[in-house]
Amino acid sequence: MLDIENVDAAAILVTADLPDDARLALLDLDPTAPGVHGKVLGWDVESQRWVPVEVPVTQVSPPPGVGG
């Protein structure tokens, strides 16, 4: 579980289909900026920038035999 509430940073949601523009924009992103504290940032294709997003709640399990 990712718990970033009340922290001085943001989490960045990276997906397998992340465009090159988003990857390049990560270089200029400051996840410690006060405006993004405690937020999860995702790439918005329309505005071509990282924005706060609601993350779906899912459970990720490691593959069998890993971490066990």
PDB file of N, CA and C in Angstrom:
ATOM      1  N   MET A   1       0.840  -1.178   0.000  1.00  0.00           N
ATOM      2  CA  MET A   1       0.000   0.000   0.000  1.00  0.00           C
ATOM      3  C   MET A   1       0.882   1.237   0.000  1.00  0.00           C
ATOM      4  N   LEU A   2       0.533   2.168  -0.829  1.00  0.00           N
ATOM      5  CA  LEU A   2       1.254   3.414  -0.938  1.00  0.00           C
ATOM      6  C   LEU A   2       0.542   4.460  -0.103  1.00  0.00           C
ATOM      7  N   ASP A   3       1.211   4.966   0.916  1.00  0.00           N
ATOM      8  CA  ASP A   3       0.616   5.977   1.787  1.00  0.00           C
ATOM      9  C   ASP A   3       1.498   7.210   1.746  1.00  0.00           C
ATOM     10  N   ILE A   4       1.045   8.232   1.012  1.00  0.00           N
ATOM     11  CA  ILE A   4       1.865   9.434   0.898  1.00  0.00           C
ATOM     12  C   ILE A   4       1.184  10.655   1.491  1.00  0.00           C
ATOM     13  N   GLU A   5       0.119  10.442   2.231  1.00  0.00           N
ATOM     14  CA  GLU A   5      -0.551  11.574   2.851  1.00  0.00           C
ATOM     15  C   GLU A   5       0.359  12.185   3.909  1.00  0.00           C
ATOM     16  N   ASN A   6       0.301  13.486   4.030  1.00  0.00           N
ATOM     17  CA  ASN A   6       1.051  14.233   5.031  1.00  0.00           C
ATOM     18  C   ASN A   6       2.561  14.055   4.900  1.00  0.00           C
ATOM     19  N   VAL A   7       3.046  13.972   3.679  1.00  0.00           N
ATOM     20  CA  VAL A   7       4.484  13.923   3.445  1.00  0.00           C
ATOM     21  C   VAL A   7       4.872  15.071   2.524  1.00  0.00           C
ATOM     22  N   ASP A   8       6.145  15.390   2.502  1.00  0.00           N
ATOM     23  CA  ASP A   8       6.633  16.502   1.692  1.00  0.00           C
ATOM     24  C   ASP A   8       7.130  16.033   0.323  1.00  0.00           C
ATOM     25  N   ALA A   9       6.348  15.182  -0.308  1.00  0.00           N
ATOM     26  CA  ALA A   9       6.710  14.675  -1.631  1.00  0.00           C
ATOM     27  C   ALA A   9       5.459  14.149  -2.325  1.00  0.00           C
ATOM     28  N   ALA A  10       5.616  13.788  -3.585  1.00  0.00           N
ATOM     29  CA  ALA A  10       4.535  13.205  -4.373  1.00  0.00           C
ATOM     30  C   ALA A  10       5.001  11.864  -4.909  1.00  0.00           C
ATOM     31  N   ALA A  11       4.054  11.018  -5.251  1.00  0.00           N
ATOM     32  CA  ALA A  11       4.363   9.759  -5.925  1.00  0.00           C
ATOM     33  C   ALA A  11       4.065   9.951  -7.407  1.00  0.00           C
ATOM     34  N   ILE A  12       4.800   9.254  -8.245  1.00  0.00           N
ATOM     35  CA  ILE A  12       4.627   9.364  -9.689  1.00  0.00           C
ATOM     36  C   ILE A  12       4.143   8.022 -10.216  1.00  0.00           C
ATOM     37  N   LEU A  13       2.996   8.043 -10.879  1.00  0.00           N
ATOM     38  CA  LEU A  13       2.394   6.836 -11.437  1.00  0.00           C
ATOM     39  C   LEU A  13       2.961   6.606 -12.835  1.00  0.00           C
ATOM     40  N   VAL A  14       3.741   5.549 -12.964  1.00  0.00           N
ATOM     41  CA  VAL A  14       4.367   5.223 -14.249  1.00  0.00           C
ATOM     42  C   VAL A  14       3.710   3.962 -14.793  1.00  0.00           C
ATOM     43  N   THR A  15       3.221   4.052 -16.021  1.00  0.00           N
ATOM     44  CA  THR A  15       2.575   2.911 -16.670  1.00  0.00           C
ATOM     45  C   THR A  15       3.434   2.432 -17.841  1.00  0.00           C
ATOM     46  N   ALA A  16       3.166   1.243 -18.300  1.00  0.00           N
ATOM     47  CA  ALA A  16       3.950   0.657 -19.389  1.00  0.00           C
ATOM     48  C   ALA A  16       3.835   1.463 -20.677  1.00  0.00           C
ATOM     49  N   ASP A  17       2.699   2.146 -20.864  1.00  0.00           N
ATOM     50  CA  ASP A  17       2.500   2.901 -22.108  1.00  0.00           C
ATOM     51  C   ASP A  17       2.852   4.380 -21.973  1.00  0.00           C
ATOM     52  N   LEU A  18       3.697   4.720 -21.009  1.00  0.00           N
ATOM     53  CA  LEU A  18       4.075   6.112 -20.771  1.00  0.00           C
ATOM     54  C   LEU A  18       4.792   6.673 -22.002  1.00  0.00           C
ATOM     55  N   PRO A  19       4.273   7.762 -22.585  1.00  0.00           N
ATOM     56  CA  PRO A  19       4.898   8.329 -23.788  1.00  0.00           C
ATOM     57  C   PRO A  19       6.267   8.938 -23.501  1.00  0.00           C
ATOM     58  N   ASP A  20       7.054   9.065 -24.543  1.00  0.00           N
ATOM     59  CA  ASP A  20       8.388   9.663 -24.410  1.00  0.00           C
ATOM     60  C   ASP A  20       8.313  11.083 -23.866  1.00  0.00           C
ATOM     61  N   ASP A  21       7.282  11.852 -24.284  1.00  0.00           N
ATOM     62  CA  ASP A  21       7.133  13.222 -23.776  1.00  0.00           C
ATOM     63  C   ASP A  21       6.998  13.238 -22.262  1.00  0.00           C
ATOM     64  N   ALA A  22       6.270  12.270 -21.720  1.00  0.00           N
ATOM     65  CA  ALA A  22       6.090  12.190 -20.272  1.00  0.00           C
ATOM     66  C   ALA A  22       7.403  11.859 -19.588  1.00  0.00           C
ATOM     67  N   ARG A  23       8.152  10.958 -20.186  1.00  0.00           N
ATOM     68  CA  ARG A  23       9.455  10.585 -19.615  1.00  0.00           C
ATOM     69  C   ARG A  23      10.391  11.790 -19.583  1.00  0.00           C
ATOM     70  N   LEU A  24      10.384  12.569 -20.645  1.00  0.00           N
ATOM     71  CA  LEU A  24      11.230  13.763 -20.694  1.00  0.00           C
ATOM     72  C   LEU A  24      10.768  14.806 -19.682  1.00  0.00           C
ATOM     73  N   ALA A  25       9.452  14.930 -19.509  1.00  0.00           N
ATOM     74  CA  ALA A  25       8.914  15.908 -18.570  1.00  0.00           C
ATOM     75  C   ALA A  25       9.275  15.564 -17.132  1.00  0.00           C
ATOM     76  N   LEU A  26       9.576  14.299 -16.866  1.00  0.00           N
ATOM     77  CA  LEU A  26      10.001  13.905 -15.516  1.00  0.00           C
ATOM     78  C   LEU A  26      11.281  14.629 -15.099  1.00  0.00           C
ATOM     79  N   LEU A  27      12.113  14.980 -16.073  1.00  0.00           N
ATOM     80  CA  LEU A  27      13.365  15.670 -15.759  1.00  0.00           C
ATOM     81  C   LEU A  27      13.111  17.029 -15.113  1.00  0.00           C
ATOM     82  N   ASP A  28      12.007  17.678 -15.488  1.00  0.00           N
ATOM     83  CA  ASP A  28      11.685  19.004 -14.959  1.00  0.00           C
ATOM     84  C   ASP A  28      10.708  18.963 -13.795  1.00  0.00           C
ATOM     85  N   LEU A  29      10.205  17.793 -13.467  1.00  0.00           N
ATOM     86  CA  LEU A  29       9.205  17.662 -12.407  1.00  0.00           C
ATOM     87  C   LEU A  29       9.862  17.720 -11.039  1.00  0.00           C
ATOM     88  N   ASP A  30       9.289  18.505 -10.138  1.00  0.00           N
ATOM     89  CA  ASP A  30       9.782  18.578  -8.763  1.00  0.00           C
ATOM     90  C   ASP A  30       8.740  17.972  -7.833  1.00  0.00           C
ATOM     91  N   PRO A  31       8.890  16.685  -7.479  1.00  0.00           N
ATOM     92  CA  PRO A  31       7.895  16.044  -6.627  1.00  0.00           C
ATOM     93  C   PRO A  31       7.899  16.558  -5.187  1.00  0.00           C
ATOM     94  N   THR A  32       8.836  17.459  -4.862  1.00  0.00           N
ATOM     95  CA  THR A  32       8.843  18.045  -3.521  1.00  0.00           C
ATOM     96  C   THR A  32       8.206  19.427  -3.497  1.00  0.00           C
ATOM     97  N   ALA A  33       7.679  19.900  -4.630  1.00  0.00           N
ATOM     98  CA  ALA A  33       7.016  21.212  -4.677  1.00  0.00           C
ATOM     99  C   ALA A  33       5.775  21.176  -3.780  1.00  0.00           C
ATOM    100  N   PRO A  34       5.559  22.226  -2.988  1.00  0.00           N
ATOM    101  CA  PRO A  34       4.434  22.229  -2.048  1.00  0.00           C
ATOM    102  C   PRO A  34       3.074  21.943  -2.675  1.00  0.00           C
ATOM    103  N   GLY A  35       2.854  22.309  -3.921  1.00  0.00           N
ATOM    104  CA  GLY A  35       1.565  22.094  -4.565  1.00  0.00           C
ATOM    105  C   GLY A  35       1.228  20.641  -4.848  1.00  0.00           C
ATOM    106  N   VAL A  36       2.211  19.763  -4.769  1.00  0.00           N
ATOM    107  CA  VAL A  36       1.956  18.351  -5.063  1.00  0.00           C
ATOM    108  C   VAL A  36       2.194  17.438  -3.860  1.00  0.00           C
ATOM    109  N   HIS A  37       2.474  18.019  -2.709  1.00  0.00           N
ATOM    110  CA  HIS A  37       2.696  17.202  -1.504  1.00  0.00           C
ATOM    111  C   HIS A  37       1.515  16.269  -1.270  1.00  0.00           C
ATOM    112  N   GLY A  38       1.823  14.989  -1.037  1.00  0.00           N
ATOM    113  CA  GLY A  38       0.798  14.016  -0.696  1.00  0.00           C
ATOM    114  C   GLY A  38      -0.080  13.578  -1.854  1.00  0.00           C
ATOM    115  N   LYS A  39       0.290  13.915  -3.083  1.00  0.00           N
ATOM    116  CA  LYS A  39      -0.526  13.565  -4.243  1.00  0.00           C
ATOM    117  C   LYS A  39       0.166  12.486  -5.074  1.00  0.00           C
ATOM    118  N   VAL A  40      -0.632  11.812  -5.896  1.00  0.00           N
ATOM    119  CA  VAL A  40      -0.112  10.884  -6.893  1.00  0.00           C
ATOM    120  C   VAL A  40      -0.234  11.590  -8.235  1.00  0.00           C
ATOM    121  N   LEU A  41       0.855  11.660  -8.965  1.00  0.00           N
ATOM    122  CA  LEU A  41       0.864  12.358 -10.243  1.00  0.00           C
ATOM    123  C   LEU A  41       0.843  11.359 -11.390  1.00  0.00           C
ATOM    124  N   GLY A  42      -0.003  11.640 -12.372  1.00  0.00           N
ATOM    125  CA  GLY A  42      -0.085  10.830 -13.578  1.00  0.00           C
ATOM    126  C   GLY A  42       0.012  11.734 -14.794  1.00  0.00           C
ATOM    127  N   TRP A  43       0.375  11.162 -15.917  1.00  0.00           N
ATOM    128  CA  TRP A  43       0.540  11.940 -17.140  1.00  0.00           C
ATOM    129  C   TRP A  43      -0.809  12.180 -17.792  1.00  0.00           C
ATOM    130  N   ASP A  44      -1.103  13.449 -18.080  1.00  0.00           N
ATOM    131  CA  ASP A  44      -2.330  13.822 -18.781  1.00  0.00           C
ATOM    132  C   ASP A  44      -1.979  14.052 -20.244  1.00  0.00           C
ATOM    133  N   VAL A  45      -2.480  13.187 -21.105  1.00  0.00           N
ATOM    134  CA  VAL A  45      -2.148  13.238 -22.523  1.00  0.00           C
ATOM    135  C   VAL A  45      -2.640  14.529 -23.160  1.00  0.00           C
ATOM    136  N   GLU A  46      -3.833  14.973 -22.792  1.00  0.00           N
ATOM    137  CA  GLU A  46      -4.405  16.181 -23.410  1.00  0.00           C
ATOM    138  C   GLU A  46      -3.604  17.438 -23.087  1.00  0.00           C
ATOM    139  N   SER A  47      -3.242  17.626 -21.816  1.00  0.00           N
ATOM    140  CA  SER A  47      -2.519  18.841 -21.433  1.00  0.00           C
ATOM    141  C   SER A  47      -1.003  18.664 -21.521  1.00  0.00           C
ATOM    142  N   GLN A  48      -0.555  17.424 -21.764  1.00  0.00           N
ATOM    143  CA  GLN A  48       0.867  17.128 -21.882  1.00  0.00           C
ATOM    144  C   GLN A  48       1.661  17.559 -20.644  1.00  0.00           C
ATOM    145  N   ARG A  49       1.102  17.195 -19.476  1.00  0.00           N
ATOM    146  CA  ARG A  49       1.802  17.512 -18.230  1.00  0.00           C
ATOM    147  C   ARG A  49       1.414  16.521 -17.143  1.00  0.00           C
ATOM    148  N   TRP A  50       2.210  16.507 -16.080  1.00  0.00           N
ATOM    149  CA  TRP A  50       1.927  15.661 -14.922  1.00  0.00           C
ATOM    150  C   TRP A  50       0.903  16.366 -14.049  1.00  0.00           C
ATOM    151  N   VAL A  51      -0.167  15.652 -13.688  1.00  0.00           N
ATOM    152  CA  VAL A  51      -1.253  16.225 -12.889  1.00  0.00           C
ATOM    153  C   VAL A  51      -1.640  15.256 -11.778  1.00  0.00           C
ATOM    154  N   PRO A  52      -2.224  15.765 -10.682  1.00  0.00           N
ATOM    155  CA  PRO A  52      -2.727  14.867  -9.635  1.00  0.00           C
ATOM    156  C   PRO A  52      -3.835  13.970 -10.185  1.00  0.00           C
ATOM    157  N   VAL A  53      -3.798  12.684  -9.839  1.00  0.00           N
ATOM    158  CA  VAL A  53      -4.792  11.722 -10.307  1.00  0.00           C
ATOM    159  C   VAL A  53      -5.300  10.890  -9.138  1.00  0.00           C
ATOM    160  N   GLU A  54      -6.485  10.320  -9.349  1.00  0.00           N
ATOM    161  CA  GLU A  54      -7.025   9.343  -8.405  1.00  0.00           C
ATOM    162  C   GLU A  54      -6.527   7.982  -8.860  1.00  0.00           C
ATOM    163  N   VAL A  55      -5.906   7.270  -7.971  1.00  0.00           N
ATOM    164  CA  VAL A  55      -5.347   5.968  -8.320  1.00  0.00           C
ATOM    165  C   VAL A  55      -6.349   4.883  -7.974  1.00  0.00           C
ATOM    166  N   PRO A  56      -6.629   3.992  -8.922  1.00  0.00           N
ATOM    167  CA  PRO A  56      -7.528   2.883  -8.600  1.00  0.00           C
ATOM    168  C   PRO A  56      -6.898   2.000  -7.533  1.00  0.00           C
ATOM    169  N   VAL A  57      -7.729   1.498  -6.650  1.00  0.00           N
ATOM    170  CA  VAL A  57      -7.228   0.645  -5.581  1.00  0.00           C
ATOM    171  C   VAL A  57      -7.191  -0.789  -6.091  1.00  0.00           C
ATOM    172  N   THR A  58      -5.976  -1.288  -6.229  1.00  0.00           N
ATOM    173  CA  THR A  58      -5.788  -2.673  -6.639  1.00  0.00           C
ATOM    174  C   THR A  58      -4.682  -3.272  -5.795  1.00  0.00           C
ATOM    175  N   GLN A  59      -4.705  -4.561  -5.674  1.00  0.00           N
ATOM    176  CA  GLN A  59      -3.659  -5.230  -4.928  1.00  0.00           C
ATOM    177  C   GLN A  59      -2.730  -5.903  -5.920  1.00  0.00           C
ATOM    178  N   VAL A  60      -1.460  -5.659  -5.738  1.00  0.00           N
ATOM    179  CA  VAL A  60      -0.458  -6.255  -6.614  1.00  0.00           C
ATOM    180  C   VAL A  60       0.255  -7.335  -5.828  1.00  0.00           C
ATOM    181  N   SER A  61       0.238  -8.529  -6.353  1.00  0.00           N
ATOM    182  CA  SER A  61       0.905  -9.647  -5.702  1.00  0.00           C
ATOM    183  C   SER A  61       2.156 -10.005  -6.496  1.00  0.00           C
ATOM    184  N   PRO A  62       3.220 -10.372  -5.804  1.00  0.00           N
ATOM    185  CA  PRO A  62       4.424 -10.784  -6.528  1.00  0.00           C
ATOM    186  C   PRO A  62       4.184 -12.122  -7.223  1.00  0.00           C
ATOM    187  N   PRO A  63       4.962 -12.389  -8.268  1.00  0.00           N
ATOM    188  CA  PRO A  63       4.830 -13.670  -8.940  1.00  0.00           C
ATOM    189  C   PRO A  63       5.116 -14.817  -7.971  1.00  0.00           C
ATOM    190  N   PRO A  64       4.584 -15.994  -8.254  1.00  0.00           N
ATOM    191  CA  PRO A  64       4.835 -17.141  -7.366  1.00  0.00           C
ATOM    192  C   PRO A  64       6.335 -17.380  -7.187  1.00  0.00           C
ATOM    193  N   GLY A  65       6.728 -17.633  -5.954  1.00  0.00           N
ATOM    194  CA  GLY A  65       8.126 -17.908  -5.653  1.00  0.00           C
ATOM    195  C   GLY A  65       8.974 -16.681  -5.388  1.00  0.00           C
ATOM    196  N   VAL A  66       8.386 -15.486  -5.492  1.00  0.00           N
ATOM    197  CA  VAL A  66       9.139 -14.254  -5.243  1.00  0.00           C
ATOM    198  C   VAL A  66       8.736 -13.673  -3.901  1.00  0.00           C
ATOM    199  N   GLY A  67       9.703 -13.333  -3.086  1.00  0.00           N
ATOM    200  CA  GLY A  67       9.446 -12.672  -1.818  1.00  0.00           C
ATOM    201  C   GLY A  67       8.753 -13.531  -0.796  1.00  0.00           C
ATOM    202  N   GLY A  68       8.860 -14.793  -0.909  1.00  0.00           N
ATOM    203  CA  GLY A  68       8.064 -15.585  -0.041  1.00  0.00           C
ATOM    204  C   GLY A  68       8.649 -16.383   1.016  1.00  0.00           C
TER     205      GLY A  68
END
